[in-house]
Protein backbone atom coordinates (compact mmCIF):
# COMPACT_ATOMS: atom_id res chain seq x y z
CA MET A 1 63.99 108.77 103.99
CA GLY A 2 60.94 109.50 105.50
CA ARG A 3 58.99 112.75 104.40
CA VAL A 4 56.72 114.86 105.92
CA THR A 5 54.53 116.61 103.43
CA GLY A 6 51.21 119.06 103.30
CA THR A 7 50.52 117.75 99.68
CA ASP A 8 47.61 115.55 99.24
CA SER A 9 47.71 111.85 98.41
CA ARG A 10 46.03 111.69 95.19
CA ALA A 11 49.24 110.36 93.64
CA PHE A 12 49.38 106.93 94.55
CA PHE A 13 46.20 106.33 92.92
CA TYR A 14 47.29 107.41 89.84
CA ILE A 15 49.58 104.54 89.28
CA TYR A 16 46.35 102.24 88.79
CA SER A 17 45.65 103.70 85.46
CA VAL A 18 48.99 102.64 83.92
CA ASN A 19 48.32 100.36 81.28
CA LEU A 20 44.50 100.26 81.50
CA PHE A 21 43.96 100.19 78.20
CA ILE A 22 46.31 97.76 76.35
CA ILE A 23 45.05 96.92 72.59
CA GLU A 24 45.55 93.15 72.03
CA PRO A 25 46.59 91.92 68.58
CA SER A 26 43.78 90.68 66.82
CA GLY A 27 43.71 87.68 64.80
CA SER A 28 43.19 88.97 60.84
CA GLY A 29 43.66 92.78 60.83
CA SER A 30 45.66 95.38 61.96
CA CYS A 31 43.46 96.56 64.20
CA GLY A 32 43.22 95.46 67.90
CA HIS A 33 40.52 94.65 70.28
CA LEU A 34 39.77 94.21 73.80
CA SER A 35 38.46 91.19 75.21
CA ASP A 36 35.50 91.16 77.39
CA ASN A 37 36.98 90.33 80.76
CA THR A 38 39.66 92.63 80.04
CA ILE A 39 37.22 95.45 79.40
CA MET A 40 35.31 95.03 82.25
CA GLY A 41 38.19 94.73 84.75
CA LYS A 42 39.97 97.99 83.43
CA MET A 43 36.81 99.82 83.61
CA PHE A 44 36.34 98.88 87.25
CA ILE A 45 39.50 100.16 88.08
CA ALA A 46 39.29 103.31 86.19
CA PHE A 47 35.81 104.03 87.88
CA PHE A 48 37.49 103.25 91.10
CA ILE A 49 40.43 105.71 90.64
CA LEU A 50 38.09 108.46 88.98
CA PHE A 51 36.02 108.27 92.05
CA MET A 52 39.06 108.24 95.00
CA THR A 53 40.36 111.22 93.20
CA ILE A 54 37.24 113.21 93.46
CA VAL A 55 36.54 112.27 97.16
CA LEU A 56 40.28 113.34 98.00
CA ASN A 57 40.20 116.40 96.06
CA SER A 58 37.08 117.24 98.39
CA VAL A 59 38.49 116.62 101.46
CA ASN A 60 42.07 118.38 100.37
CA ALA A 61 39.87 121.32 99.28
CA GLN A 62 38.69 121.62 103.07
CA GLU A 63 41.61 120.66 105.05
CA LYS A 64 45.81 120.61 104.15
CA GLU A 65 47.04 116.96 104.76
CA VAL A 66 50.11 115.99 107.14
CA THR A 67 52.35 113.22 105.66
CA TYR A 68 54.51 110.78 106.51
CA THR A 69 56.23 108.31 104.59
CA TYR A 70 58.52 105.14 106.53
CA ASP A 71 60.91 103.32 103.99
CA LYS A 72 60.48 100.17 105.50
CA PHE A 73 58.25 98.01 107.74
CA GLY A 74 57.48 94.82 109.08
CA ILE A 75 54.44 92.91 109.02
CA ILE A 76 53.25 89.55 110.65
CA ASN A 77 50.10 87.81 109.14
CA GLN A 78 48.66 83.98 109.67
CA TYR A 79 51.32 82.65 107.10
CA THR A 80 54.32 84.19 108.90
CA ASN A 81 54.25 81.76 111.79
CA ASN A 82 54.27 84.57 113.97
CA MET A 83 57.53 85.88 112.83
CA VAL A 84 58.00 89.61 111.74
CA LEU A 85 58.74 89.52 108.05
CA GLU A 86 60.66 92.94 106.72
CA VAL A 87 59.41 94.32 103.86
CA ASN A 88 61.46 96.65 101.84
CA ASP A 89 58.31 99.21 100.77
CA VAL A 90 56.78 102.24 102.01
CA LEU A 91 54.32 102.57 105.00
CA LYS A 92 52.57 106.21 104.65
CA PHE A 93 50.54 107.95 107.31
CA VAL A 94 48.29 110.63 105.99
CA LYS A 95 46.19 112.54 108.53
CA ARG A 96 43.04 114.02 107.48
CA LYS A 97 40.31 115.98 108.99
CA GLY A 98 40.01 115.50 112.73
CA ASN A 99 41.34 112.08 113.45
CA SER A 100 40.74 110.56 110.35
CA PHE A 101 43.85 108.92 108.60
CA PHE A 102 44.70 107.43 105.35
CA ILE A 103 47.52 104.44 105.60
CA GLN A 104 48.82 103.10 102.57
CA LEU A 105 51.05 99.57 103.16
CA ALA A 106 53.47 99.09 100.12
CA HIS A 107 53.31 100.56 96.76
CA PRO A 108 50.21 100.14 94.84
CA MET A 109 52.31 98.16 92.00
CA ASN A 110 53.86 95.77 94.56
CA PRO A 111 50.99 94.13 95.72
CA PRO A 112 49.37 93.17 98.14
CA ALA A 113 49.20 97.01 98.48
CA TYR A 114 46.59 98.10 101.37
CA SER A 115 44.81 100.90 101.40
CA LEU A 116 43.12 102.11 104.78
CA PHE A 117 40.58 104.69 104.89
CA VAL A 118 39.86 104.81 108.83
CA SER A 119 38.79 107.34 111.64
CA LEU A 120 38.99 107.16 115.36
CA LYS A 121 36.33 105.41 117.18
CA GLY A 122 37.49 105.64 120.86
CA TYR A 123 39.76 103.89 123.38
CA ASP A 124 39.54 100.46 124.84
CA GLU A 125 40.39 100.88 128.45
CA LEU A 126 40.25 97.47 129.35
CA ASN A 127 42.78 96.46 126.67
CA GLU A 128 44.72 99.77 126.51
CA LYS A 129 44.34 100.12 122.91
CA TYR A 130 42.85 103.16 120.48
CA VAL A 131 40.20 101.83 118.17
CA TYR A 132 39.85 102.89 114.52
CA ILE A 133 37.38 101.78 112.20
CA GLY A 134 36.73 102.17 108.43
CA ASP A 135 37.10 101.07 104.70
CA ALA A 136 39.64 99.12 103.41
CA ILE A 137 41.27 98.29 99.60
CA VAL A 138 43.38 95.62 99.10
CA GLY A 139 45.10 95.30 95.58
CA ILE A 140 46.11 91.62 94.90
CA ASP A 141 46.79 91.72 91.15
CA ILE A 142 46.67 95.02 89.37
CA LYS A 143 46.92 93.66 85.73
CA GLU A 144 44.11 91.39 86.53
CA GLY A 145 42.12 94.08 88.19
CA LEU A 146 41.72 91.85 91.14
CA ILE A 147 40.55 94.18 94.10
CA TYR A 148 39.09 93.44 97.11
CA LYS A 149 37.35 96.25 99.17
CA GLY A 150 35.12 95.76 102.43
CA LYS A 151 35.70 96.90 106.20
CA CYS A 152 38.69 97.02 108.84
CA LEU A 153 39.45 97.51 112.28
CA ILE A 154 42.92 98.77 113.34
CA LYS A 155 43.91 98.53 117.16
CA SER A 156 47.18 100.55 118.46
CA SER A 157 48.79 101.28 121.86
CA LYS A 158 49.29 104.57 120.45
CA ASN A 159 47.19 107.11 118.83
CA LEU A 160 48.20 107.26 114.82
CA ASP A 161 49.29 110.78 115.17
CA ALA A 162 52.46 109.56 116.71
CA PHE A 163 53.49 107.71 113.68
CA LEU A 164 54.20 110.90 111.89
CA ASN A 165 57.13 111.57 113.89
CA ASN A 166 59.18 108.85 112.60
CA ILE A 167 58.53 106.79 115.80
CA GLY A 168 59.36 102.80 115.09
CA TYR A 169 61.65 99.87 115.65
CA ASN A 170 65.38 100.07 115.13
CA TYR A 171 65.23 96.56 113.06
CA GLU A 172 68.68 95.63 114.23
CA TYR A 173 66.94 94.73 117.33
CA THR A 174 63.81 92.09 118.59
CA TYR A 175 60.53 93.81 117.94
CA SER A 176 58.09 93.83 120.69
CA LYS A 177 54.42 95.38 120.23
CA ASP A 178 55.04 98.39 121.69
CA LEU A 179 54.89 100.14 118.84
CA SER A 180 53.19 98.05 116.50
CA PHE A 181 49.45 98.07 115.26
CA SER A 182 46.82 95.55 114.33
CA VAL A 183 44.43 95.48 111.22
CA TYR A 184 41.66 93.06 111.28
CA PHE A 185 39.66 92.66 108.05
CA LYS A 186 36.00 91.92 107.74
CA ASN A 187 33.53 91.68 104.85
CA MET A 188 36.37 91.83 102.13
CA ARG A 189 34.63 91.42 98.61
CA THR A 190 35.74 91.62 94.89
CA SER A 191 33.62 91.99 91.76
CA LYS A 192 36.59 90.07 89.49
CA GLU A 193 34.52 87.13 87.87
CA GLY A 194 36.07 83.79 88.68
CA TYR A 195 37.12 84.52 92.02
CA ILE A 196 36.25 83.24 95.35
CA PRO A 197 35.14 86.50 97.57
CA GLN A 198 37.64 86.31 100.33
CA MET A 199 40.45 88.26 101.42
CA PRO A 200 44.22 86.34 101.50
CA TYR A 201 44.70 87.57 104.92
CA THR A 202 42.27 88.23 107.79
CA PHE A 203 44.43 90.38 109.60
CA VAL A 204 47.92 91.99 109.46
CA GLU A 205 50.13 93.01 112.43
CA VAL A 206 52.30 96.12 111.54
CA PHE A 207 55.86 97.23 112.54
CA PRO A 208 56.56 100.84 111.44
CA ILE A 209 60.78 100.82 111.37
CA LYS A 210 62.11 103.79 112.10
CA ASN A 211 63.80 106.31 109.26
CA LYS A 212 67.46 106.62 109.55
CA SER A 213 68.47 110.53 110.12
CA GLU A 214 70.55 112.06 107.59
CA GLN A 215 73.76 112.05 110.51
CA GLU A 216 72.69 108.05 110.59
CA ARG A 217 72.84 107.31 107.35
CA GLU A 218 76.19 109.07 106.81
CA GLU A 219 77.43 107.46 109.85
CA LYS A 220 76.33 103.69 108.43
CA LEU A 221 78.09 104.63 105.16
CA LEU A 222 80.96 105.50 107.07
CA ARG A 223 81.28 102.45 108.87
CA GLU A 224 80.59 100.49 105.74
CA LYS A 225 83.18 102.19 103.86
CA ARG A 226 85.95 101.19 106.93
CA LYS A 227 84.31 97.87 107.06
CA GLN A 228 85.22 97.24 103.32
CA GLU A 229 88.78 98.92 103.82
CA TRP A 230 89.18 96.77 106.82
CA GLU A 231 88.27 93.77 104.66
CA LYS A 232 90.24 94.62 101.77
CA ARG A 233 93.61 95.19 103.83
CA GLU A 234 92.66 91.93 105.72
CA PHE A 235 92.49 90.16 102.06
CA GLU A 236 95.76 91.90 101.20
CA ARG A 237 97.66 90.62 104.22
CA LYS A 238 96.06 86.98 104.14
CA GLU A 239 97.25 86.90 100.40
CA LYS A 240 100.66 87.98 101.22
CA GLU A 241 100.93 85.64 104.26
CA ILE A 242 99.90 82.80 101.79
CA LYS A 243 102.43 83.99 99.26
CA ARG A 244 105.15 83.85 102.02
CA LYS A 245 103.95 80.45 103.11
CA GLU A 246 103.94 79.09 99.25
CA GLU A 247 107.54 80.64 98.68
CA GLU A 248 108.78 78.95 102.05
CA VAL A 249 107.41 75.74 100.93
CA ILE A 250 108.63 75.66 97.46
CA ASN A 251 111.90 76.65 98.90
CA ILE A 252 112.21 73.56 101.11
CA LEU A 253 110.82 71.25 98.26
CA SER A 254 113.81 72.40 95.85
CA THR A 255 116.04 70.56 98.38
CA ALA A 256 113.96 67.22 98.16
CA ASN A 257 115.69 64.19 96.77
CA ARG A 258 112.65 63.25 94.55
CA GLN A 259 114.90 60.42 92.97
CA ASN A 260 115.62 58.67 96.10
CA ILE A 261 111.80 59.01 97.22
CA LYS A 262 111.25 57.01 93.81
CA GLU A 263 113.65 54.47 94.82
CA GLN A 264 112.39 54.09 98.15
CA VAL A 265 108.77 53.46 97.00
CA CYS A 266 110.21 50.90 94.35
CA THR A 267 111.99 49.14 97.08
CA TYR A 268 109.06 48.62 99.34
CA PHE A 269 107.05 47.26 96.57
CA GLU A 270 110.05 44.70 95.47
CA ASN A 271 109.91 43.31 99.00
CA LYS A 272 106.03 43.21 99.01
CA LEU A 273 106.14 41.04 95.84
CA LEU A 274 108.92 39.32 97.36
CA LYS A 275 106.87 38.36 100.34
CA ASP A 276 103.94 37.78 98.59
CA SER A 277 105.68 35.11 96.48
CA GLU A 278 106.10 33.12 99.43
CA TYR A 279 102.11 32.00 98.50
CA TRP A 280 102.60 31.50 94.82
CA ASP A 281 101.85 28.02 93.69
CA VAL A 282 104.94 27.00 91.53
CA LEU A 283 104.51 23.58 91.59
CA ALA A 284 102.71 23.37 88.57
CA LYS A 285 104.84 25.86 86.41
CA PRO A 286 106.96 28.82 87.43
CA GLN A 287 105.09 32.18 88.34
CA LYS A 288 105.93 35.32 87.06
CA LYS A 289 104.53 38.54 88.16
CA GLU A 290 104.73 42.22 88.54
CA ILE A 291 103.34 45.32 90.69
CA LYS A 292 101.89 48.19 88.31
CA THR A 293 100.33 50.89 90.35
CA THR A 294 99.47 54.43 91.74
CA THR A 295 100.39 54.97 95.59
CA ASP A 296 99.99 57.89 97.93
CA VAL A 297 103.02 58.45 100.04
CA LEU A 298 103.26 60.46 102.77
CA ILE A 299 106.41 62.70 102.84
CA HIS A 300 108.39 64.69 105.53
CA ILE A 301 110.92 67.29 104.57
CA ASP A 302 112.74 69.77 106.12
CA SER A 303 116.08 72.18 105.55
CA LEU A 304 118.36 68.93 105.99
CA GLN A 305 116.66 65.80 105.02
CA THR A 306 113.92 63.89 103.26
CA ASN A 307 111.72 61.07 104.53
CA ILE A 308 109.29 58.76 103.93
CA VAL A 309 106.62 58.50 107.02
CA GLN A 310 103.85 56.38 104.72
CA ILE A 311 103.39 54.24 102.01
CA ASP A 312 100.09 53.18 100.95
CA LYS A 313 99.13 53.85 104.20
CA GLU A 314 101.21 51.80 106.02
CA ILE A 315 103.77 53.74 108.51
CA ILE A 316 107.21 53.51 107.91
CA ASN A 317 108.68 55.96 110.08
CA TYR A 318 106.98 55.83 113.37
CA ASP A 319 108.65 58.80 115.19
CA LEU A 320 107.71 60.93 112.04
CA ASP A 321 104.42 59.88 111.69
CA PHE A 322 103.78 60.80 115.45
CA LEU A 323 105.04 64.76 114.61
CA HIS A 324 102.63 64.30 111.58
CA ARG A 325 99.68 64.01 113.72
CA LYS A 326 100.50 67.03 115.10
CA ALA A 327 100.85 69.29 112.07
CA SER A 328 98.22 71.53 110.93
CA HIS A 329 97.33 73.15 107.40
CA TYR A 330 100.10 75.47 106.32
CA CYS A 331 98.95 76.23 102.53
CA THR A 332 97.89 74.80 99.49
CA ILE A 333 100.32 74.54 96.22
CA ASN A 334 98.48 73.33 93.08
CA GLY A 335 96.24 71.25 94.81
CA THR A 336 98.76 69.88 97.07
CA ASN A 337 98.22 70.23 101.16
CA TYR A 338 101.11 71.19 103.31
CA TYR A 339 101.31 70.55 106.80
CA LYS A 340 103.52 72.09 109.39
CA TYR A 341 104.66 71.17 112.84
CA GLN A 342 107.85 73.27 114.38
CA ASN A 343 110.15 73.21 111.18
CA HIS A 344 108.70 69.92 109.67
CA ILE A 345 106.61 70.04 106.58
CA PHE A 346 104.49 67.14 105.55
CA TYR A 347 102.67 66.41 102.45
CA ILE A 348 101.18 63.68 100.47
CA GLU A 349 102.54 62.97 96.76
CA LYS A 350 101.04 60.51 94.29
CA VAL A 351 103.87 57.74 92.88
CA ASP A 352 103.77 55.82 89.89
CA ILE A 353 105.49 52.44 90.53
CA LYS A 354 106.11 49.62 88.04
CA THR A 355 108.68 46.80 89.07
CA LYS A 356 110.63 44.38 87.42
CA PRO A 357 108.95 40.99 86.74
CA LEU A 358 109.74 38.79 89.82
CA GLU A 359 109.72 35.04 88.28
CA LYS A 360 109.84 32.22 90.83
CA GLY A 361 109.68 28.40 90.65
CA ILE A 362 111.11 24.89 91.75
CA TYR A 363 112.99 21.80 89.48
CA GLY A 364 113.81 18.92 90.57
CA VAL A 365 117.95 17.53 90.03
CA GLU A 366 119.19 14.19 90.12
CA ARG A 367 123.23 13.29 90.47
CA LYS A 368 124.11 9.78 89.28
CA LYS A 369 127.35 8.71 88.48
CA GLY A 370 129.04 12.06 88.13
CA LYS A 371 126.56 13.40 85.98
CA LEU A 372 123.42 15.55 86.35
CA LYS A 373 119.67 14.83 85.49
CA TYR A 374 117.08 17.75 84.89
CA TYR A 375 113.42 16.63 84.46
CA GLN A 376 112.97 19.95 82.44
CA THR A 377 114.33 22.41 80.78
CA VAL A 378 116.27 24.51 83.07
CA PRO A 379 117.85 27.82 82.50
CA LYS A 380 121.73 28.12 82.02
CA GLU A 381 122.24 30.03 85.35
CA ILE A 382 120.48 27.25 87.15
CA GLN A 383 122.71 24.73 85.59
CA GLU A 384 125.24 26.46 86.72
CA TRP A 385 124.62 26.78 90.08
CA CYS A 386 123.56 22.83 90.31
CA GLN A 387 127.09 22.02 88.92
CA SER A 388 128.75 23.59 91.81
CA ASN A 389 126.41 22.81 94.52
CA ILE A 390 124.92 19.63 93.96
CA ILE A 391 127.66 17.14 95.28
CA LYS A 392 126.06 14.16 96.35
CA ASN A 393 124.00 11.71 94.09
CA GLY A 394 120.42 11.27 94.31
CA PHE A 395 117.20 13.55 94.20
CA GLN A 396 117.58 17.29 94.82
CA ALA A 397 114.60 19.56 94.52
CA ILE A 398 115.69 23.26 94.18
CA GLU A 399 113.79 26.86 94.55
CA TYR A 400 114.63 29.78 92.73
CA SER A 401 113.73 33.32 92.02
CA ASN A 402 114.91 35.42 89.20
CA TYR A 403 114.35 39.03 89.60
CA ASP A 404 115.97 41.37 87.18
CA GLY A 405 118.32 38.80 85.79
CA GLN A 406 119.57 37.93 89.51
CA TYR A 407 118.91 34.54 90.71
CA THR A 408 118.36 33.18 94.11
CA ILE A 409 118.75 29.58 94.46
CA LYS A 410 118.75 27.13 97.73
CA PRO A 411 118.14 23.40 98.12
CA ILE A 412 114.54 22.52 99.67
CA THR A 413 113.39 19.52 101.13
CA VAL A 414 110.12 18.06 99.60
CA THR A 415 107.43 15.03 100.25
CA LYS A 416 107.29 12.13 97.91
CA ASP A 417 104.30 13.22 96.30
CA VAL A 418 105.96 16.36 95.45
CA LYS A 419 109.32 14.67 94.29
CA LYS A 420 107.22 12.26 91.89
CA THR A 421 105.66 15.19 90.54
CA LEU A 422 109.09 17.28 89.84
CA GLN A 423 110.07 13.77 88.29
CA GLY A 424 107.29 14.10 86.10
CA LYS A 425 105.58 11.24 87.38
CA ASP A 426 101.87 10.96 88.57
CA PRO A 427 102.04 10.72 92.33
CA GLN A 428 98.90 9.17 92.43
CA LYS A 429 99.46 6.39 89.83
CA ALA A 430 100.89 3.65 92.43
CA LYS A 431 97.88 3.96 94.61
CA LYS A 432 95.36 3.73 91.38
CA THR A 433 97.28 0.33 90.10
CA TRP A 434 96.38 -1.44 93.64
CA LYS A 435 92.83 -0.93 93.00
CA THR A 436 90.66 -4.08 93.09
CA LEU A 437 88.83 -4.86 89.97
CA GLY A 438 86.83 -7.66 90.94
CA ILE A 439 86.91 -11.38 91.24
CA ILE A 440 87.48 -13.81 88.75
CA CYS A 441 86.62 -17.76 88.96
CA GLY A 442 87.27 -17.28 92.68
CA ASN A 443 90.50 -15.62 92.63
CA VAL A 444 91.43 -12.13 93.56
CA VAL A 445 93.59 -10.26 90.94
CA LEU A 446 95.43 -7.25 91.75
CA ILE A 447 96.38 -5.51 88.61
CA GLY A 448 100.08 -4.57 89.29
CA GLY A 449 100.66 -6.70 92.39
CA ALA A 450 102.92 -9.63 92.51
CA ILE A 451 100.72 -11.82 94.48
CA ALA A 452 97.50 -14.04 93.15
CA LEU A 453 95.22 -15.56 95.51
CA GLY A 454 93.45 -18.81 94.69
CA ALA A 455 90.26 -20.42 95.99
CA MET A 456 91.28 -23.97 95.22
């Protein structure tokens, strides 16, 4: 809150004297010692504080000061890219004799802290600005004793007296330059050894932020309290609504036939296994495979029925999939998202599936003189089928599949090469025996052939 007082401005200097003489532990004894750099830096600060205290005492003895302090201000320097940086620190104006002012930007223990001692120089009619000049002190690092001293020039569209009356910006709004003032620094130097004698900032633009009145503060607190109460009620309302939705979904889920879902998914993968078996290579030997997987199943449920919409992203029910695309998120229970459209609930459930093994192969069977000849060891179930279904003499190829002890057997037509393979013969052997091996004594001899041609 802003403060208008008739007290002097010496108090802010005393803070510099804190920790001026800190005893540093020595390497051997119980007594401490001061390093040369520390002594020089802290002696400089102590001397400076003593000097300024004497000066201010002299001024205060002549005339009573008028002070106003802002609790917050904005600032622009060459590093803020022309953006106002709001500072939660004090901006203090002290009117001294005549048109002389002391201005403090930021508490001395929150560097960079600016102390400006200026007097009115005149009015710049061309730029419509009041011009103040004087001395500037900038504290950069209090512990290290790094302080810059030099000159400053202030340009303001208003006399600095105006800032003793809590004029400033309402920081909720955009900053203009109607109430700001500019500070330009020149010939800033420091006696700190090892530092380049230059200021970190060449200028600053200061934007006093208007202090809130007691009524405004109370109104703000009341608004914040009402906002918190509204947020609490809104949170409780949303929690109640979430709980209601969860209970609704849980009640609907209790009617779901999960066993039926599992069976339908299993049937889907059984059919998939059967379809895939059409491409198995079973000529050399029978193949036996199963499907073991975890799949995503999109499920539809309402108060009357449970349906599968998608299995492994394959659409099973196109009508329900159309409704699913219109559904929106309704609630989340134990990490599962539930979606709703009208009275339809949709959700994805992970289902573990393991089908029973499917075996598939082909055999060759030959009936001759009322008897069946098997070229391989054939299961009893296939033999029984052959006894009842193969009634003509000759060779017959059969294809079978066995799923959980249930055999499906059918006769098939095969090529001559496949027939020879099923009979245990090499289909390429006849071709190989007619291969020309060479010419002996003018005769062409074909191994395995019945003809020998002579050159005689």
